[in-house]
Amino acid sequence: MPDRLPAASSRQPGLREVLLVAALVVAVVLAADALTNVLPTDVQNVVVHTPLAIGVLVLGTAIVLWRILRAPKP
């Protein structure tokens, strides 16, 4: 049996990368909240009372998954 790790495990992100992504996600959410607060009341109602956030999350997830699937093979 070979002593080396499979290719998939050698591409795993480290703790620093995970924390960086988590911090970026928090920053994006806080920025979106701040932006929503400065919008006119009618636009705020659309953002808050419709499934707009769910649509954005689904679209964002689809883009991330597409990029992962389309990543070049090492």
Protein backbone atom coordinates (compact mmCIF):
# COMPACT_ATOMS: atom_id res chain seq x y z
CA MET A 1 0.00 0.00 0.00
CA PRO A 2 1.30 3.44 -0.81
CA ASP A 3 2.19 5.69 2.10
CA ARG A 4 1.08 8.88 0.42
CA LEU A 5 -2.30 10.48 0.86
CA PRO A 6 -4.95 10.41 -1.85
CA ALA A 7 -5.07 13.51 -4.05
CA ALA A 8 -8.37 14.68 -2.56
CA SER A 9 -6.99 14.89 0.98
CA SER A 10 -3.94 16.86 -0.14
CA ARG A 11 -6.29 19.56 -1.49
CA GLN A 12 -8.23 19.99 1.77
CA PRO A 13 -8.32 23.57 3.09
CA GLY A 14 -6.56 24.34 6.33
CA LEU A 15 -7.93 26.10 9.38
CA ARG A 16 -6.65 29.47 8.16
CA GLU A 17 -8.53 29.17 4.87
CA VAL A 18 -11.73 28.09 6.61
CA LEU A 19 -11.54 31.00 9.05
CA LEU A 20 -10.85 33.42 6.21
CA VAL A 21 -13.90 32.26 4.28
CA ALA A 22 -16.03 32.42 7.44
CA ALA A 23 -14.85 36.00 8.12
CA LEU A 24 -15.61 37.00 4.54
CA VAL A 25 -19.11 35.51 4.77
CA VAL A 26 -19.78 37.43 8.00
CA ALA A 27 -18.50 40.64 6.39
CA VAL A 28 -20.75 40.16 3.35
CA VAL A 29 -23.80 39.52 5.54
CA LEU A 30 -23.09 42.61 7.66
CA ALA A 31 -22.57 44.72 4.53
CA ALA A 32 -25.84 43.45 3.06
CA ASP A 33 -27.64 44.30 6.31
CA ALA A 34 -26.15 47.80 6.33
CA LEU A 35 -27.10 48.31 2.69
CA THR A 36 -30.65 47.15 3.36
CA ASN A 37 -30.96 49.69 6.17
CA VAL A 38 -30.12 52.62 3.88
CA LEU A 39 -32.56 51.59 1.15
CA PRO A 40 -35.94 53.32 0.83
CA THR A 41 -38.74 51.77 2.88
CA ASP A 42 -40.50 50.25 -0.14
CA VAL A 43 -37.33 48.48 -1.27
CA GLN A 44 -36.65 47.32 2.30
CA ASN A 45 -40.11 45.72 2.36
CA VAL A 46 -39.35 43.82 -0.86
CA VAL A 47 -36.07 42.53 0.55
CA VAL A 48 -37.53 41.57 3.92
CA HIS A 49 -40.94 40.19 2.89
CA THR A 50 -40.07 38.19 -0.22
CA PRO A 51 -37.86 35.12 -0.73
CA LEU A 52 -35.16 37.33 -2.28
CA ALA A 53 -32.49 36.22 0.22
CA ILE A 54 -33.28 32.56 -0.44
CA GLY A 55 -32.93 33.13 -4.17
CA VAL A 56 -29.58 34.86 -3.70
CA LEU A 57 -28.36 32.00 -1.49
CA VAL A 58 -29.48 29.35 -3.98
CA LEU A 59 -27.83 31.24 -6.86
CA GLY A 60 -24.62 31.75 -4.88
CA THR A 61 -24.49 28.08 -3.93
CA ALA A 62 -25.05 27.04 -7.54
CA ILE A 63 -22.20 29.29 -8.70
CA VAL A 64 -19.82 27.89 -6.07
CA LEU A 65 -20.72 24.30 -6.94
CA TRP A 66 -20.34 25.01 -10.66
CA ARG A 67 -16.88 26.47 -10.07
CA ILE A 68 -15.87 23.46 -7.97
CA LEU A 69 -17.04 21.06 -10.68
CA ARG A 70 -15.33 23.05 -13.43
CA ALA A 71 -12.01 23.35 -11.55
CA PRO A 72 -9.02 22.10 -13.53
CA LYS A 73 -7.75 18.68 -12.56
CA PRO A 74 -4.27 18.66 -10.98
